[in-house]
């Protein structure tokens, strides 16, 4: 495994684990504020409960571990599954960056909320970076099945 491949995997895993931890904090703490939930006319468009937030945290943890498997930093017996699952991560984060054409993503119509501003400057670009790095990781690790 090359240093570049390992570095990308560790960076992605760190991002995913950090985001998972943030979701866990929201479950046990005060919860997310208006800057992380899309709103329209000051009312939340989404109302994720603790179970949904925990599921997102779990999936983010799996995505981080998947990156480490793909780079062979953590051993796993089925690299082909890791490869295809990582393409799934790429698809999910590409879709999130593009958005729903309404409240989230680069092509959202609603742009006058606190969430929309943060989404434009941070959340959607982060999703695009994640998708790009995950694609690069998969291509660099493609010498393996």
C-alpha atoms as a PDB file:
ATOM      1  CA  UNK A   1       0.000   0.000   0.000  1.00  0.00           C
ATOM      2  CA  UNK A   2       1.356   3.408  -0.896  1.00  0.00           C
ATOM      3  CA  UNK A   3       1.726   6.272   1.524  1.00  0.00           C
ATOM      4  CA  UNK A   4      -0.784   8.315  -0.488  1.00  0.00           C
ATOM      5  CA  UNK A   5      -3.418   5.578  -0.321  1.00  0.00           C
ATOM      6  CA  UNK A   6      -2.912   5.121   3.410  1.00  0.00           C
ATOM      7  CA  UNK A   7      -3.011   8.870   4.020  1.00  0.00           C
ATOM      8  CA  UNK A   8      -6.272   9.286   2.102  1.00  0.00           C
ATOM      9  CA  UNK A   9      -7.813   6.366   3.996  1.00  0.00           C
ATOM     10  CA  UNK A  10      -6.788   7.761   7.378  1.00  0.00           C
ATOM     11  CA  UNK A  11      -8.017  11.268   6.496  1.00  0.00           C
ATOM     12  CA  UNK A  12     -11.383   9.891   5.360  1.00  0.00           C
ATOM     13  CA  UNK A  13     -11.696   7.629   8.407  1.00  0.00           C
ATOM     14  CA  UNK A  14     -10.929  10.581  10.680  1.00  0.00           C
ATOM     15  CA  UNK A  15     -13.608  12.681   8.977  1.00  0.00           C
ATOM     16  CA  UNK A  16     -16.165   9.872   9.185  1.00  0.00           C
ATOM     17  CA  UNK A  17     -15.390   9.044  12.820  1.00  0.00           C
ATOM     18  CA  UNK A  18     -15.517  12.741  13.732  1.00  0.00           C
ATOM     19  CA  UNK A  19     -18.907  13.148  12.067  1.00  0.00           C
ATOM     20  CA  UNK A  20     -20.145   9.978  13.805  1.00  0.00           C
ATOM     21  CA  UNK A  21     -19.014  11.343  17.165  1.00  0.00           C
ATOM     22  CA  UNK A  22     -20.827  14.599  16.466  1.00  0.00           C
ATOM     23  CA  UNK A  23     -24.041  12.677  15.815  1.00  0.00           C
ATOM     24  CA  UNK A  24     -23.612  10.751  19.082  1.00  0.00           C
ATOM     25  CA  UNK A  25     -23.114  14.039  20.925  1.00  0.00           C
ATOM     26  CA  UNK A  26     -26.389  15.286  19.441  1.00  0.00           C
ATOM     27  CA  UNK A  27     -28.164  12.196  20.781  1.00  0.00           C
ATOM     28  CA  UNK A  28     -26.912  12.602  24.333  1.00  0.00           C
ATOM     29  CA  UNK A  29     -26.497  16.380  24.396  1.00  0.00           C
ATOM     30  CA  UNK A  30     -28.532  19.409  23.450  1.00  0.00           C
ATOM     31  CA  UNK A  31     -29.110  18.218  19.885  1.00  0.00           C
ATOM     32  CA  UNK A  32     -28.290  19.925  16.611  1.00  0.00           C
ATOM     33  CA  UNK A  33     -29.095  23.581  16.200  1.00  0.00           C
ATOM     34  CA  UNK A  34     -30.615  25.444  13.307  1.00  0.00           C
ATOM     35  CA  UNK A  35     -27.282  25.508  11.523  1.00  0.00           C
ATOM     36  CA  UNK A  36     -27.392  21.752  10.817  1.00  0.00           C
ATOM     37  CA  UNK A  37     -31.088  21.190  10.084  1.00  0.00           C
ATOM     38  CA  UNK A  38     -32.692  22.639   6.929  1.00  0.00           C
ATOM     39  CA  UNK A  39     -35.493  25.084   7.670  1.00  0.00           C
ATOM     40  CA  UNK A  40     -38.170  26.905   5.755  1.00  0.00           C
ATOM     41  CA  UNK A  41     -39.761  30.008   7.255  1.00  0.00           C
ATOM     42  CA  UNK A  42     -37.902  29.261  10.489  1.00  0.00           C
ATOM     43  CA  UNK A  43     -39.414  25.767  10.844  1.00  0.00           C
ATOM     44  CA  UNK A  44     -37.325  22.583  10.515  1.00  0.00           C
ATOM     45  CA  UNK A  45     -37.888  20.657   7.298  1.00  0.00           C
ATOM     46  CA  UNK A  46     -36.475  17.517   8.936  1.00  0.00           C
ATOM     47  CA  UNK A  47     -36.948  16.329  12.488  1.00  0.00           C
ATOM     48  CA  UNK A  48     -34.518  13.433  12.978  1.00  0.00           C
ATOM     49  CA  UNK A  49     -35.046  11.571  16.208  1.00  0.00           C
ATOM     50  CA  UNK A  50     -32.454   9.772  18.318  1.00  0.00           C
ATOM     51  CA  UNK A  51     -32.855   6.490  16.427  1.00  0.00           C
ATOM     52  CA  UNK A  52     -32.301   8.131  13.039  1.00  0.00           C
ATOM     53  CA  UNK A  53     -29.343  10.091  14.377  1.00  0.00           C
ATOM     54  CA  UNK A  54     -27.858   6.894  15.845  1.00  0.00           C
ATOM     55  CA  UNK A  55     -28.307   5.119  12.502  1.00  0.00           C
ATOM     56  CA  UNK A  56     -26.433   7.929  10.736  1.00  0.00           C
ATOM     57  CA  UNK A  57     -23.651   7.730  13.344  1.00  0.00           C
ATOM     58  CA  UNK A  58     -23.405   3.964  12.809  1.00  0.00           C
ATOM     59  CA  UNK A  59     -23.270   4.325   9.014  1.00  0.00           C
ATOM     60  CA  UNK A  60     -20.584   6.992   9.266  1.00  0.00           C
ATOM     61  CA  UNK A  61     -18.562   4.655  11.504  1.00  0.00           C
ATOM     62  CA  UNK A  62     -18.953   1.864   8.959  1.00  0.00           C
ATOM     63  CA  UNK A  63     -17.830   4.225   6.178  1.00  0.00           C
ATOM     64  CA  UNK A  64     -14.696   5.143   8.125  1.00  0.00           C
ATOM     65  CA  UNK A  65     -13.873   1.518   8.782  1.00  0.00           C
ATOM     66  CA  UNK A  66     -14.542   0.694   5.148  1.00  0.00           C
ATOM     67  CA  UNK A  67     -11.869   3.196   4.092  1.00  0.00           C
ATOM     68  CA  UNK A  68      -9.351   1.525   6.396  1.00  0.00           C
ATOM     69  CA  UNK A  69     -10.306  -1.901   5.015  1.00  0.00           C
ATOM     70  CA  UNK A  70      -9.958  -0.688   1.446  1.00  0.00           C
ATOM     71  CA  UNK A  71      -6.455   0.619   2.143  1.00  0.00           C
ATOM     72  CA  UNK A  72      -5.632  -2.626   3.940  1.00  0.00           C
ATOM     73  CA  UNK A  73      -4.788  -0.739   7.128  1.00  0.00           C
ATOM     74  CA  UNK A  74      -7.306  -2.988   8.844  1.00  0.00           C
ATOM     75  CA  UNK A  75      -7.413  -6.586   7.601  1.00  0.00           C
ATOM     76  CA  UNK A  76     -10.565  -7.930   6.041  1.00  0.00           C
ATOM     77  CA  UNK A  77     -11.210 -11.126   4.120  1.00  0.00           C
ATOM     78  CA  UNK A  78     -13.275  -9.650   1.282  1.00  0.00           C
ATOM     79  CA  UNK A  79     -11.625  -6.691  -0.451  1.00  0.00           C
ATOM     80  CA  UNK A  80     -14.122  -6.916  -3.324  1.00  0.00           C
ATOM     81  CA  UNK A  81     -16.968  -6.085  -0.960  1.00  0.00           C
ATOM     82  CA  UNK A  82     -14.962  -3.147   0.408  1.00  0.00           C
ATOM     83  CA  UNK A  83     -14.394  -1.871  -3.136  1.00  0.00           C
ATOM     84  CA  UNK A  84     -18.079  -1.977  -4.097  1.00  0.00           C
ATOM     85  CA  UNK A  85     -19.240  -0.627  -0.755  1.00  0.00           C
ATOM     86  CA  UNK A  86     -16.835   2.295  -1.091  1.00  0.00           C
ATOM     87  CA  UNK A  87     -18.345   3.103  -4.498  1.00  0.00           C
ATOM     88  CA  UNK A  88     -21.666   3.213  -2.619  1.00  0.00           C
ATOM     89  CA  UNK A  89     -20.175   5.767  -0.220  1.00  0.00           C
ATOM     90  CA  UNK A  90     -19.010   7.794  -3.227  1.00  0.00           C
ATOM     91  CA  UNK A  91     -22.538   7.711  -4.679  1.00  0.00           C
ATOM     92  CA  UNK A  92     -24.182   8.763  -1.398  1.00  0.00           C
ATOM     93  CA  UNK A  93     -21.852  11.706  -0.808  1.00  0.00           C
ATOM     94  CA  UNK A  94     -21.990  12.806  -4.449  1.00  0.00           C
ATOM     95  CA  UNK A  95     -25.791  12.796  -4.223  1.00  0.00           C
ATOM     96  CA  UNK A  96     -25.657  14.752  -0.945  1.00  0.00           C
ATOM     97  CA  UNK A  97     -23.336  17.353  -2.478  1.00  0.00           C
ATOM     98  CA  UNK A  98     -25.636  17.781  -5.472  1.00  0.00           C
ATOM     99  CA  UNK A  99     -28.635  17.866  -3.153  1.00  0.00           C
ATOM    100  CA  UNK A 100     -32.381  17.588  -3.399  1.00  0.00           C
ATOM    101  CA  UNK A 101     -32.740  20.787  -5.494  1.00  0.00           C
ATOM    102  CA  UNK A 102     -34.798  22.271  -2.666  1.00  0.00           C
ATOM    103  CA  UNK A 103     -33.170  22.503   0.770  1.00  0.00           C
ATOM    104  CA  UNK A 104     -29.725  20.857   0.628  1.00  0.00           C
ATOM    105  CA  UNK A 105     -26.790  20.638  -1.755  1.00  0.00           C
ATOM    106  CA  UNK A 106     -25.147  22.888  -4.275  1.00  0.00           C
ATOM    107  CA  UNK A 107     -28.339  23.182  -6.327  1.00  0.00           C
ATOM    108  CA  UNK A 108     -30.777  24.036  -3.504  1.00  0.00           C
ATOM    109  CA  UNK A 109     -33.414  26.715  -4.075  1.00  0.00           C
ATOM    110  CA  UNK A 110     -33.885  27.712  -0.430  1.00  0.00           C
ATOM    111  CA  UNK A 111     -30.852  29.838   0.384  1.00  0.00           C
ATOM    112  CA  UNK A 112     -32.021  32.272   3.066  1.00  0.00           C
ATOM    113  CA  UNK A 113     -31.635  30.159   6.222  1.00  0.00           C
ATOM    114  CA  UNK A 114     -28.697  29.714   8.569  1.00  0.00           C
ATOM    115  CA  UNK A 115     -28.484  26.077   7.469  1.00  0.00           C
ATOM    116  CA  UNK A 116     -28.418  27.070   3.780  1.00  0.00           C
ATOM    117  CA  UNK A 117     -25.468  29.394   4.363  1.00  0.00           C
ATOM    118  CA  UNK A 118     -23.516  26.712   6.240  1.00  0.00           C
ATOM    119  CA  UNK A 119     -24.499  24.146   3.623  1.00  0.00           C
ATOM    120  CA  UNK A 120     -23.104  26.333   0.854  1.00  0.00           C
ATOM    121  CA  UNK A 121     -19.794  27.124   2.550  1.00  0.00           C
ATOM    122  CA  UNK A 122     -19.130  23.897   4.464  1.00  0.00           C
ATOM    123  CA  UNK A 123     -21.495  20.903   4.284  1.00  0.00           C
ATOM    124  CA  UNK A 124     -21.871  20.450   0.528  1.00  0.00           C
ATOM    125  CA  UNK A 125     -18.180  21.148  -0.184  1.00  0.00           C
ATOM    126  CA  UNK A 126     -17.232  18.625   2.518  1.00  0.00           C
ATOM    127  CA  UNK A 127     -19.470  16.023   0.867  1.00  0.00           C
ATOM    128  CA  UNK A 128     -17.842  16.738  -2.501  1.00  0.00           C
ATOM    129  CA  UNK A 129     -14.367  16.381  -0.966  1.00  0.00           C
ATOM    130  CA  UNK A 130     -15.377  13.112   0.716  1.00  0.00           C
ATOM    131  CA  UNK A 131     -16.744  11.730  -2.569  1.00  0.00           C
ATOM    132  CA  UNK A 132     -13.600  12.782  -4.436  1.00  0.00           C
ATOM    133  CA  UNK A 133     -11.207  11.328  -1.859  1.00  0.00           C
ATOM    134  CA  UNK A 134     -13.205   8.087  -1.607  1.00  0.00           C
ATOM    135  CA  UNK A 135     -13.110   7.757  -5.411  1.00  0.00           C
ATOM    136  CA  UNK A 136      -9.379   8.380  -5.410  1.00  0.00           C
ATOM    137  CA  UNK A 137      -8.885   5.823  -2.630  1.00  0.00           C
ATOM    138  CA  UNK A 138     -10.817   3.213  -4.600  1.00  0.00           C
ATOM    139  CA  UNK A 139      -8.847   3.883  -7.777  1.00  0.00           C
ATOM    140  CA  UNK A 140      -5.469   3.885  -6.010  1.00  0.00           C
ATOM    141  CA  UNK A 141      -6.312   0.635  -4.250  1.00  0.00           C
ATOM    142  CA  UNK A 142      -7.583  -0.923  -7.498  1.00  0.00           C
ATOM    143  CA  UNK A 143      -4.498  -3.096  -7.847  1.00  0.00           C
ATOM    144  CA  UNK A 144      -6.270  -5.342  -5.375  1.00  0.00           C
ATOM    145  CA  UNK A 145      -9.528  -7.163  -6.043  1.00  0.00           C
END
